[in-house]
């Protein structure tokens, strides 16, 4: 097929590779514009654009996708289909209808659950034990189109968003290739819109730990926001990042360090969590016991309090 590929982050790269390997004619790889990155604020191209260049594919990074030259190009390029994977922009009707078979989205959830920008993160934060990927015919609403194919996978009890991201990106690539191969035979299934849930954009404040929550809820928060934006709390007025935890037994005032020796354990609203890997401001990630050995955490300390 003649395919326009629309995707921006690393999650989309395996799908691009798989479509190329399957023999599809990639007319262009469309991604968001380059962004400044790092301390020097050097302009960096998205992962999909970098990969497209390595593959010798044409790239387009339009600033405007509602009207103008890009919309006109899409209408005239002769694409059979557009495959969209985490592109990051809402597509207007003129774009959705431009390819002969429309636009097909690869979405990292089992729809109608977790529509929106961060589905795999919120699935973990909210304690789901299953996730997956869907392909769907794109419509004007937010991830509301008819579902084409679905693949499901368990979420491990300690699996992080980063780990699930890598697994789902491969599953999504395989499902995209299968969808295009079977497109004429697939019977699109409307979603049950009454059962939908949302997965909004994440910001750093959402990753702040509320120690009055249960140990399991806090463990899920830490997993769901690893590697970004990383769960955090306050320790003596400084921001302490928490990269990994374990649910454990224990009780006390929520936020109180109830054990600080070979391991660090903190009381929650129900149960306790062991802080497995921590990061102090300006420091590398350390094991909890190493932070104790450095004298920065002691039994009885209160986490989460402003000073």
C-alpha atoms as a PDB file:
ATOM      1  CA  UNK A   1       0.000   0.000   0.000  1.00  0.00           C
ATOM      2  CA  UNK A   2       0.936   3.629  -0.445  1.00  0.00           C
ATOM      3  CA  UNK A   3       1.194   4.812   3.163  1.00  0.00           C
ATOM      4  CA  UNK A   4       1.614   8.171   4.848  1.00  0.00           C
ATOM      5  CA  UNK A   5       3.102   7.462   8.274  1.00  0.00           C
ATOM      6  CA  UNK A   6       2.291   9.974  11.013  1.00  0.00           C
ATOM      7  CA  UNK A   7       4.076   9.592  14.333  1.00  0.00           C
ATOM      8  CA  UNK A   8       6.508  11.491  16.531  1.00  0.00           C
ATOM      9  CA  UNK A   9       8.020   9.682  19.574  1.00  0.00           C
ATOM     10  CA  UNK A  10      10.088   6.535  19.990  1.00  0.00           C
ATOM     11  CA  UNK A  11       6.912   4.512  20.557  1.00  0.00           C
ATOM     12  CA  UNK A  12       6.087   4.953  16.839  1.00  0.00           C
ATOM     13  CA  UNK A  13       9.463   3.836  15.451  1.00  0.00           C
ATOM     14  CA  UNK A  14       8.855   0.046  15.551  1.00  0.00           C
ATOM     15  CA  UNK A  15       5.649   0.512  13.557  1.00  0.00           C
ATOM     16  CA  UNK A  16       7.499   2.519  10.927  1.00  0.00           C
ATOM     17  CA  UNK A  17      10.181  -0.171  10.691  1.00  0.00           C
ATOM     18  CA  UNK A  18       7.593  -2.929  10.431  1.00  0.00           C
ATOM     19  CA  UNK A  19       5.650  -1.194   7.672  1.00  0.00           C
ATOM     20  CA  UNK A  20       8.862  -0.777   5.686  1.00  0.00           C
ATOM     21  CA  UNK A  21       9.822  -4.426   6.263  1.00  0.00           C
ATOM     22  CA  UNK A  22       6.341  -5.507   5.127  1.00  0.00           C
ATOM     23  CA  UNK A  23       6.954  -3.830   1.778  1.00  0.00           C
ATOM     24  CA  UNK A  24       4.624  -0.863   2.027  1.00  0.00           C
ATOM     25  CA  UNK A  25       5.473   2.260   0.037  1.00  0.00           C
ATOM     26  CA  UNK A  26       6.015   4.989   2.646  1.00  0.00           C
ATOM     27  CA  UNK A  27       5.233   8.255   0.871  1.00  0.00           C
ATOM     28  CA  UNK A  28       6.410  10.363   3.804  1.00  0.00           C
ATOM     29  CA  UNK A  29       7.001  10.244   7.533  1.00  0.00           C
ATOM     30  CA  UNK A  30       5.100  13.088   9.173  1.00  0.00           C
ATOM     31  CA  UNK A  31       6.061  14.246  12.666  1.00  0.00           C
ATOM     32  CA  UNK A  32       5.938  17.300  14.864  1.00  0.00           C
ATOM     33  CA  UNK A  33       8.584  20.015  14.386  1.00  0.00           C
ATOM     34  CA  UNK A  34      12.051  19.785  15.923  1.00  0.00           C
ATOM     35  CA  UNK A  35      12.229  20.838  19.588  1.00  0.00           C
ATOM     36  CA  UNK A  36      14.992  22.388  21.724  1.00  0.00           C
ATOM     37  CA  UNK A  37      16.493  19.843  24.091  1.00  0.00           C
ATOM     38  CA  UNK A  38      19.049  19.680  26.862  1.00  0.00           C
ATOM     39  CA  UNK A  39      20.988  22.381  28.631  1.00  0.00           C
ATOM     40  CA  UNK A  40      22.144  23.906  25.385  1.00  0.00           C
ATOM     41  CA  UNK A  41      18.602  23.909  23.974  1.00  0.00           C
ATOM     42  CA  UNK A  42      19.872  22.404  20.730  1.00  0.00           C
ATOM     43  CA  UNK A  43      17.154  21.683  18.178  1.00  0.00           C
ATOM     44  CA  UNK A  44      16.570  17.929  17.961  1.00  0.00           C
ATOM     45  CA  UNK A  45      14.439  16.023  15.466  1.00  0.00           C
ATOM     46  CA  UNK A  46      11.830  13.534  16.736  1.00  0.00           C
ATOM     47  CA  UNK A  47      12.827   9.854  16.837  1.00  0.00           C
ATOM     48  CA  UNK A  48      10.616   9.018  13.850  1.00  0.00           C
ATOM     49  CA  UNK A  49      12.274  11.687  11.712  1.00  0.00           C
ATOM     50  CA  UNK A  50      15.728  10.461  12.681  1.00  0.00           C
ATOM     51  CA  UNK A  51      14.733   6.918  11.772  1.00  0.00           C
ATOM     52  CA  UNK A  52      13.138   8.024   8.487  1.00  0.00           C
ATOM     53  CA  UNK A  53      16.342   9.761   7.443  1.00  0.00           C
ATOM     54  CA  UNK A  54      18.318   6.611   8.203  1.00  0.00           C
ATOM     55  CA  UNK A  55      15.895   4.689   5.982  1.00  0.00           C
ATOM     56  CA  UNK A  56      16.080   7.275   3.190  1.00  0.00           C
ATOM     57  CA  UNK A  57      12.411   8.251   3.516  1.00  0.00           C
ATOM     58  CA  UNK A  58      10.873  11.648   2.835  1.00  0.00           C
ATOM     59  CA  UNK A  59       9.927  13.584   5.979  1.00  0.00           C
ATOM     60  CA  UNK A  60       7.476  16.380   6.674  1.00  0.00           C
ATOM     61  CA  UNK A  61       7.137  18.352   9.896  1.00  0.00           C
ATOM     62  CA  UNK A  62       4.298  20.829   9.328  1.00  0.00           C
ATOM     63  CA  UNK A  63       3.646  23.541  11.898  1.00  0.00           C
ATOM     64  CA  UNK A  64       0.030  23.787  10.712  1.00  0.00           C
ATOM     65  CA  UNK A  65      -2.137  20.723  10.116  1.00  0.00           C
ATOM     66  CA  UNK A  66      -5.608  22.278  10.016  1.00  0.00           C
ATOM     67  CA  UNK A  67      -5.202  24.094   6.727  1.00  0.00           C
ATOM     68  CA  UNK A  68      -2.546  25.088   4.238  1.00  0.00           C
ATOM     69  CA  UNK A  69       0.121  23.257   2.235  1.00  0.00           C
ATOM     70  CA  UNK A  70       0.194  20.057   4.294  1.00  0.00           C
ATOM     71  CA  UNK A  71      -3.548  19.449   4.013  1.00  0.00           C
ATOM     72  CA  UNK A  72      -3.336  20.071   0.284  1.00  0.00           C
ATOM     73  CA  UNK A  73      -0.396  17.666  -0.023  1.00  0.00           C
ATOM     74  CA  UNK A  74      -2.295  14.933   1.861  1.00  0.00           C
ATOM     75  CA  UNK A  75      -5.252  15.328  -0.467  1.00  0.00           C
ATOM     76  CA  UNK A  76      -3.080  15.092  -3.558  1.00  0.00           C
ATOM     77  CA  UNK A  77      -0.379  12.532  -2.643  1.00  0.00           C
ATOM     78  CA  UNK A  78      -2.430   9.486  -3.621  1.00  0.00           C
ATOM     79  CA  UNK A  79      -2.103   7.646  -0.309  1.00  0.00           C
ATOM     80  CA  UNK A  80      -4.081   4.474   0.215  1.00  0.00           C
ATOM     81  CA  UNK A  81      -3.993   4.932   3.976  1.00  0.00           C
ATOM     82  CA  UNK A  82      -2.394   6.993   6.731  1.00  0.00           C
ATOM     83  CA  UNK A  83      -1.061   5.080   9.722  1.00  0.00           C
ATOM     84  CA  UNK A  84      -1.000   7.292  12.801  1.00  0.00           C
ATOM     85  CA  UNK A  85       0.981   6.383  15.944  1.00  0.00           C
ATOM     86  CA  UNK A  86       1.263   8.991  18.713  1.00  0.00           C
ATOM     87  CA  UNK A  87       1.499  11.859  16.262  1.00  0.00           C
ATOM     88  CA  UNK A  88       0.396  14.346  18.907  1.00  0.00           C
ATOM     89  CA  UNK A  89      -1.949  16.519  16.866  1.00  0.00           C
ATOM     90  CA  UNK A  90      -5.700  16.362  16.304  1.00  0.00           C
ATOM     91  CA  UNK A  91      -6.481  15.669  12.655  1.00  0.00           C
ATOM     92  CA  UNK A  92      -9.217  17.682  10.947  1.00  0.00           C
ATOM     93  CA  UNK A  93     -11.844  16.013   8.707  1.00  0.00           C
ATOM     94  CA  UNK A  94     -10.013  17.052   5.518  1.00  0.00           C
ATOM     95  CA  UNK A  95      -6.999  15.028   6.685  1.00  0.00           C
ATOM     96  CA  UNK A  96      -9.002  12.071   7.980  1.00  0.00           C
ATOM     97  CA  UNK A  97     -10.717  11.633   4.625  1.00  0.00           C
ATOM     98  CA  UNK A  98      -7.712  12.329   2.382  1.00  0.00           C
ATOM     99  CA  UNK A  99      -6.323   8.756   2.005  1.00  0.00           C
ATOM    100  CA  UNK A 100      -8.425   6.213   0.110  1.00  0.00           C
ATOM    101  CA  UNK A 101      -8.911   4.061   3.242  1.00  0.00           C
ATOM    102  CA  UNK A 102      -8.793   6.977   5.669  1.00  0.00           C
ATOM    103  CA  UNK A 103      -6.521   7.166   8.711  1.00  0.00           C
ATOM    104  CA  UNK A 104      -5.787   4.186  10.961  1.00  0.00           C
ATOM    105  CA  UNK A 105      -4.534   4.829  14.479  1.00  0.00           C
ATOM    106  CA  UNK A 106      -2.434   2.519  16.650  1.00  0.00           C
ATOM    107  CA  UNK A 107      -3.491   3.245  20.241  1.00  0.00           C
ATOM    108  CA  UNK A 108      -1.822   1.887  23.397  1.00  0.00           C
ATOM    109  CA  UNK A 109      -4.889   0.688  25.284  1.00  0.00           C
ATOM    110  CA  UNK A 110      -7.831  -1.648  24.972  1.00  0.00           C
ATOM    111  CA  UNK A 111     -10.446   0.846  23.851  1.00  0.00           C
ATOM    112  CA  UNK A 112     -12.757   2.354  25.009  1.00  0.00           C
ATOM    113  CA  UNK A 113     -10.603   2.455  28.165  1.00  0.00           C
ATOM    114  CA  UNK A 114      -7.875   5.087  28.368  1.00  0.00           C
ATOM    115  CA  UNK A 115      -8.571   7.413  25.504  1.00  0.00           C
ATOM    116  CA  UNK A 116      -6.081  10.245  25.305  1.00  0.00           C
ATOM    117  CA  UNK A 117      -2.419  11.114  25.447  1.00  0.00           C
ATOM    118  CA  UNK A 118      -0.974   8.787  28.124  1.00  0.00           C
ATOM    119  CA  UNK A 119      -2.942   5.519  28.124  1.00  0.00           C
ATOM    120  CA  UNK A 120      -0.282   3.093  29.280  1.00  0.00           C
ATOM    121  CA  UNK A 121       0.794   5.351  32.150  1.00  0.00           C
ATOM    122  CA  UNK A 122      -2.710   5.754  33.539  1.00  0.00           C
ATOM    123  CA  UNK A 123      -3.462   2.054  33.164  1.00  0.00           C
ATOM    124  CA  UNK A 124      -0.617   1.336  35.599  1.00  0.00           C
ATOM    125  CA  UNK A 125      -1.360   4.263  37.932  1.00  0.00           C
ATOM    126  CA  UNK A 126      -4.972   3.089  38.239  1.00  0.00           C
ATOM    127  CA  UNK A 127      -3.979  -0.464  39.024  1.00  0.00           C
ATOM    128  CA  UNK A 128      -5.011  -2.243  35.837  1.00  0.00           C
ATOM    129  CA  UNK A 129      -3.703  -5.781  35.415  1.00  0.00           C
ATOM    130  CA  UNK A 130      -4.176  -5.837  31.643  1.00  0.00           C
ATOM    131  CA  UNK A 131      -3.307  -3.503  28.799  1.00  0.00           C
ATOM    132  CA  UNK A 132      -2.932  -3.820  25.059  1.00  0.00           C
ATOM    133  CA  UNK A 133      -3.064  -2.080  21.721  1.00  0.00           C
ATOM    134  CA  UNK A 134      -5.835  -1.378  19.238  1.00  0.00           C
ATOM    135  CA  UNK A 135      -6.001  -0.282  15.663  1.00  0.00           C
ATOM    136  CA  UNK A 136      -8.989   1.874  14.805  1.00  0.00           C
ATOM    137  CA  UNK A 137     -10.478   3.957  12.045  1.00  0.00           C
ATOM    138  CA  UNK A 138      -9.868   7.524  13.139  1.00  0.00           C
ATOM    139  CA  UNK A 139     -12.886   9.785  13.667  1.00  0.00           C
ATOM    140  CA  UNK A 140     -13.193  13.402  14.758  1.00  0.00           C
ATOM    141  CA  UNK A 141     -13.560  12.611  18.465  1.00  0.00           C
ATOM    142  CA  UNK A 142     -10.771  11.721  20.891  1.00  0.00           C
ATOM    143  CA  UNK A 143      -9.983   8.059  20.130  1.00  0.00           C
ATOM    144  CA  UNK A 144     -13.653   7.380  19.386  1.00  0.00           C
ATOM    145  CA  UNK A 145     -13.348   5.550  16.058  1.00  0.00           C
ATOM    146  CA  UNK A 146     -14.425   2.008  15.289  1.00  0.00           C
ATOM    147  CA  UNK A 147     -11.925  -0.616  16.457  1.00  0.00           C
ATOM    148  CA  UNK A 148     -10.315  -2.832  13.820  1.00  0.00           C
ATOM    149  CA  UNK A 149      -8.056  -5.243  15.744  1.00  0.00           C
ATOM    150  CA  UNK A 150      -7.046  -5.621  19.399  1.00  0.00           C
ATOM    151  CA  UNK A 151      -4.127  -7.365  21.104  1.00  0.00           C
ATOM    152  CA  UNK A 152      -4.042  -7.772  24.890  1.00  0.00           C
ATOM    153  CA  UNK A 153      -1.254  -8.371  27.397  1.00  0.00           C
ATOM    154  CA  UNK A 154      -1.004  -8.704  31.197  1.00  0.00           C
ATOM    155  CA  UNK A 155       0.653  -5.931  33.180  1.00  0.00           C
ATOM    156  CA  UNK A 156       3.203  -7.316  35.629  1.00  0.00           C
ATOM    157  CA  UNK A 157       2.753  -6.354  39.314  1.00  0.00           C
ATOM    158  CA  UNK A 158       6.045  -4.446  39.296  1.00  0.00           C
ATOM    159  CA  UNK A 159       6.132  -3.461  35.621  1.00  0.00           C
ATOM    160  CA  UNK A 160       6.904   0.182  34.921  1.00  0.00           C
ATOM    161  CA  UNK A 161       5.457   2.421  32.253  1.00  0.00           C
ATOM    162  CA  UNK A 162       8.811   2.363  30.485  1.00  0.00           C
ATOM    163  CA  UNK A 163       8.819  -1.419  30.344  1.00  0.00           C
ATOM    164  CA  UNK A 164       5.201  -1.598  29.190  1.00  0.00           C
ATOM    165  CA  UNK A 165       5.919   1.132  26.611  1.00  0.00           C
ATOM    166  CA  UNK A 166       8.599  -1.002  24.992  1.00  0.00           C
ATOM    167  CA  UNK A 167       6.380  -4.097  24.880  1.00  0.00           C
ATOM    168  CA  UNK A 168       3.343  -2.279  23.523  1.00  0.00           C
ATOM    169  CA  UNK A 169       5.381  -0.498  20.857  1.00  0.00           C
ATOM    170  CA  UNK A 170       6.338  -3.900  19.407  1.00  0.00           C
ATOM    171  CA  UNK A 171       2.796  -5.226  19.741  1.00  0.00           C
ATOM    172  CA  UNK A 172       1.462  -2.105  18.028  1.00  0.00           C
ATOM    173  CA  UNK A 173       3.868  -2.549  15.141  1.00  0.00           C
ATOM    174  CA  UNK A 174       2.764  -6.133  14.612  1.00  0.00           C
ATOM    175  CA  UNK A 175      -0.902  -5.177  14.841  1.00  0.00           C
ATOM    176  CA  UNK A 176      -0.488  -2.356  12.315  1.00  0.00           C
ATOM    177  CA  UNK A 177       1.026  -4.711   9.744  1.00  0.00           C
ATOM    178  CA  UNK A 178      -1.702  -7.290  10.376  1.00  0.00           C
ATOM    179  CA  UNK A 179      -4.399  -4.613  10.056  1.00  0.00           C
ATOM    180  CA  UNK A 180      -3.196  -3.441   6.661  1.00  0.00           C
ATOM    181  CA  UNK A 181      -2.837  -7.033   5.441  1.00  0.00           C
ATOM    182  CA  UNK A 182      -6.400  -7.922   6.463  1.00  0.00           C
ATOM    183  CA  UNK A 183      -8.029  -4.525   5.975  1.00  0.00           C
ATOM    184  CA  UNK A 184     -10.618  -5.608   3.427  1.00  0.00           C
ATOM    185  CA  UNK A 185     -11.774  -8.513   5.617  1.00  0.00           C
ATOM    186  CA  UNK A 186     -11.949  -6.712   8.976  1.00  0.00           C
ATOM    187  CA  UNK A 187     -15.386  -5.808  10.332  1.00  0.00           C
ATOM    188  CA  UNK A 188     -14.901  -2.551  12.299  1.00  0.00           C
ATOM    189  CA  UNK A 189     -16.506  -2.663  15.726  1.00  0.00           C
ATOM    190  CA  UNK A 190     -18.081   0.476  17.262  1.00  0.00           C
ATOM    191  CA  UNK A 191     -16.865   1.302  20.756  1.00  0.00           C
ATOM    192  CA  UNK A 192     -19.109   1.281  23.812  1.00  0.00           C
ATOM    193  CA  UNK A 193     -18.820   5.009  24.451  1.00  0.00           C
ATOM    194  CA  UNK A 194     -20.567   4.713  27.821  1.00  0.00           C
ATOM    195  CA  UNK A 195     -17.630   2.626  29.108  1.00  0.00           C
ATOM    196  CA  UNK A 196     -14.846   5.017  28.111  1.00  0.00           C
ATOM    197  CA  UNK A 197     -12.168   6.333  30.466  1.00  0.00           C
ATOM    198  CA  UNK A 198      -9.658   9.108  29.862  1.00  0.00           C
ATOM    199  CA  UNK A 199      -5.864   9.205  29.976  1.00  0.00           C
ATOM    200  CA  UNK A 200      -4.954  12.911  30.083  1.00  0.00           C
ATOM    201  CA  UNK A 201      -1.579  14.514  29.552  1.00  0.00           C
ATOM    202  CA  UNK A 202       0.789  14.030  32.473  1.00  0.00           C
ATOM    203  CA  UNK A 203       2.571  16.791  34.352  1.00  0.00           C
ATOM    204  CA  UNK A 204       5.077  16.714  37.214  1.00  0.00           C
ATOM    205  CA  UNK A 205       2.564  17.728  39.861  1.00  0.00           C
ATOM    206  CA  UNK A 206       0.521  14.590  39.131  1.00  0.00           C
ATOM    207  CA  UNK A 207       3.552  12.535  40.186  1.00  0.00           C
ATOM    208  CA  UNK A 208       3.630  13.986  43.701  1.00  0.00           C
ATOM    209  CA  UNK A 209       3.045  11.224  46.249  1.00  0.00           C
ATOM    210  CA  UNK A 210       0.109  11.509  48.633  1.00  0.00           C
ATOM    211  CA  UNK A 211       1.190   9.373  51.580  1.00  0.00           C
ATOM    212  CA  UNK A 212      -2.388   9.080  52.819  1.00  0.00           C
ATOM    213  CA  UNK A 213      -3.079   6.789  49.855  1.00  0.00           C
ATOM    214  CA  UNK A 214      -2.643   3.036  50.205  1.00  0.00           C
ATOM    215  CA  UNK A 215       0.723   1.358  49.725  1.00  0.00           C
ATOM    216  CA  UNK A 216      -0.551  -0.321  46.556  1.00  0.00           C
ATOM    217  CA  UNK A 217      -1.806   2.977  45.093  1.00  0.00           C
ATOM    218  CA  UNK A 218       1.563   4.634  45.775  1.00  0.00           C
ATOM    219  CA  UNK A 219       3.427   1.676  44.254  1.00  0.00           C
ATOM    220  CA  UNK A 220       1.233   1.975  41.163  1.00  0.00           C
ATOM    221  CA  UNK A 221       1.926   5.720  40.940  1.00  0.00           C
ATOM    222  CA  UNK A 222       5.680   5.144  41.094  1.00  0.00           C
ATOM    223  CA  UNK A 223       5.497   2.452  38.387  1.00  0.00           C
ATOM    224  CA  UNK A 224       3.163   4.442  36.152  1.00  0.00           C
ATOM    225  CA  UNK A 225       5.328   7.558  36.190  1.00  0.00           C
ATOM    226  CA  UNK A 226       8.633   5.764  35.629  1.00  0.00           C
ATOM    227  CA  UNK A 227      10.671   6.879  33.716  1.00  0.00           C
ATOM    228  CA  UNK A 228       8.805  10.209  33.388  1.00  0.00           C
ATOM    229  CA  UNK A 229       7.939  12.423  35.154  1.00  0.00           C
ATOM    230  CA  UNK A 230       9.089  10.249  38.108  1.00  0.00           C
ATOM    231  CA  UNK A 231       7.190  10.087  41.388  1.00  0.00           C
ATOM    232  CA  UNK A 232       8.423  12.503  44.042  1.00  0.00           C
ATOM    233  CA  UNK A 233       7.968  13.744  47.560  1.00  0.00           C
ATOM    234  CA  UNK A 234       9.590  16.300  49.846  1.00  0.00           C
ATOM    235  CA  UNK A 235      12.429  15.507  52.251  1.00  0.00           C
ATOM    236  CA  UNK A 236      13.377  18.452  54.429  1.00  0.00           C
ATOM    237  CA  UNK A 237      12.130  20.884  51.829  1.00  0.00           C
ATOM    238  CA  UNK A 238      13.993  19.193  48.963  1.00  0.00           C
ATOM    239  CA  UNK A 239      12.423  17.174  46.191  1.00  0.00           C
ATOM    240  CA  UNK A 240      13.178  13.474  46.540  1.00  0.00           C
ATOM    241  CA  UNK A 241      12.498  11.412  43.417  1.00  0.00           C
ATOM    242  CA  UNK A 242      11.346   7.853  43.919  1.00  0.00           C
ATOM    243  CA  UNK A 243      12.156   5.528  41.029  1.00  0.00           C
ATOM    244  CA  UNK A 244      11.142   2.153  42.460  1.00  0.00           C
ATOM    245  CA  UNK A 245       9.163   0.808  45.421  1.00  0.00           C
ATOM    246  CA  UNK A 246       7.844  -2.418  46.906  1.00  0.00           C
ATOM    247  CA  UNK A 247       4.660  -2.929  48.884  1.00  0.00           C
ATOM    248  CA  UNK A 248       5.526  -4.208  52.356  1.00  0.00           C
ATOM    249  CA  UNK A 249       4.057  -4.631  55.822  1.00  0.00           C
ATOM    250  CA  UNK A 250       4.113  -1.861  58.371  1.00  0.00           C
ATOM    251  CA  UNK A 251       2.072   0.959  59.820  1.00  0.00           C
ATOM    252  CA  UNK A 252       2.463   4.439  61.211  1.00  0.00           C
ATOM    253  CA  UNK A 253       1.691   8.042  60.454  1.00  0.00           C
ATOM    254  CA  UNK A 254       1.434   8.359  56.658  1.00  0.00           C
ATOM    255  CA  UNK A 255       4.730   9.669  55.288  1.00  0.00           C
ATOM    256  CA  UNK A 256       6.765   8.639  58.330  1.00  0.00           C
ATOM    257  CA  UNK A 257       9.960   6.671  57.760  1.00  0.00           C
ATOM    258  CA  UNK A 258       9.370   3.603  59.930  1.00  0.00           C
ATOM    259  CA  UNK A 259      12.556   1.769  58.964  1.00  0.00           C
ATOM    260  CA  UNK A 260      15.918   3.174  57.866  1.00  0.00           C
ATOM    261  CA  UNK A 261      18.678   0.587  57.771  1.00  0.00           C
ATOM    262  CA  UNK A 262      19.247  -2.137  55.236  1.00  0.00           C
ATOM    263  CA  UNK A 263      16.077  -0.836  53.638  1.00  0.00           C
ATOM    264  CA  UNK A 264      13.916   2.283  53.805  1.00  0.00           C
ATOM    265  CA  UNK A 265      10.225   1.817  54.582  1.00  0.00           C
ATOM    266  CA  UNK A 266       7.566   4.510  54.789  1.00  0.00           C
ATOM    267  CA  UNK A 267       4.094   4.252  56.308  1.00  0.00           C
ATOM    268  CA  UNK A 268       1.128   5.011  54.092  1.00  0.00           C
ATOM    269  CA  UNK A 269      -2.614   5.322  54.601  1.00  0.00           C
ATOM    270  CA  UNK A 270      -2.779   1.523  54.442  1.00  0.00           C
ATOM    271  CA  UNK A 271       0.372  -0.563  54.765  1.00  0.00           C
ATOM    272  CA  UNK A 272       3.877   0.583  53.902  1.00  0.00           C
ATOM    273  CA  UNK A 273       6.217   0.876  50.946  1.00  0.00           C
ATOM    274  CA  UNK A 274       9.896   0.163  50.687  1.00  0.00           C
ATOM    275  CA  UNK A 275      11.777   2.867  48.802  1.00  0.00           C
ATOM    276  CA  UNK A 276      14.021   0.768  46.585  1.00  0.00           C
ATOM    277  CA  UNK A 277      15.664   3.389  44.358  1.00  0.00           C
ATOM    278  CA  UNK A 278      15.831   7.096  45.191  1.00  0.00           C
ATOM    279  CA  UNK A 279      17.358  10.255  43.789  1.00  0.00           C
ATOM    280  CA  UNK A 280      18.296  13.340  45.769  1.00  0.00           C
ATOM    281  CA  UNK A 281      18.543  16.725  44.005  1.00  0.00           C
ATOM    282  CA  UNK A 282      21.629  16.857  41.797  1.00  0.00           C
ATOM    283  CA  UNK A 283      22.574  13.259  42.626  1.00  0.00           C
ATOM    284  CA  UNK A 284      22.492   9.962  40.770  1.00  0.00           C
ATOM    285  CA  UNK A 285      19.861   7.314  41.435  1.00  0.00           C
ATOM    286  CA  UNK A 286      20.779   5.311  44.546  1.00  0.00           C
ATOM    287  CA  UNK A 287      19.528   2.319  46.494  1.00  0.00           C
ATOM    288  CA  UNK A 288      17.495   3.339  49.529  1.00  0.00           C
ATOM    289  CA  UNK A 289      20.078   1.929  51.980  1.00  0.00           C
ATOM    290  CA  UNK A 290      22.792   4.069  50.367  1.00  0.00           C
ATOM    291  CA  UNK A 291      20.776   7.216  51.062  1.00  0.00           C
ATOM    292  CA  UNK A 292      20.474   6.053  54.669  1.00  0.00           C
ATOM    293  CA  UNK A 293      24.238   5.426  54.870  1.00  0.00           C
ATOM    294  CA  UNK A 294      24.773   8.967  53.594  1.00  0.00           C
ATOM    295  CA  UNK A 295      22.791  10.301  56.530  1.00  0.00           C
ATOM    296  CA  UNK A 296      20.027  11.851  54.454  1.00  0.00           C
ATOM    297  CA  UNK A 297      17.169   9.645  55.672  1.00  0.00           C
ATOM    298  CA  UNK A 298      16.636   8.569  59.260  1.00  0.00           C
ATOM    299  CA  UNK A 299      13.907   6.662  61.065  1.00  0.00           C
ATOM    300  CA  UNK A 300      11.167   9.005  62.167  1.00  0.00           C
ATOM    301  CA  UNK A 301      11.697  11.491  59.338  1.00  0.00           C
ATOM    302  CA  UNK A 302       8.524  12.762  57.706  1.00  0.00           C
ATOM    303  CA  UNK A 303       8.287  12.725  53.932  1.00  0.00           C
ATOM    304  CA  UNK A 304       5.997  15.050  52.045  1.00  0.00           C
ATOM    305  CA  UNK A 305       6.106  17.898  54.511  1.00  0.00           C
ATOM    306  CA  UNK A 306       7.186  21.377  53.463  1.00  0.00           C
ATOM    307  CA  UNK A 307       9.779  23.079  55.681  1.00  0.00           C
END
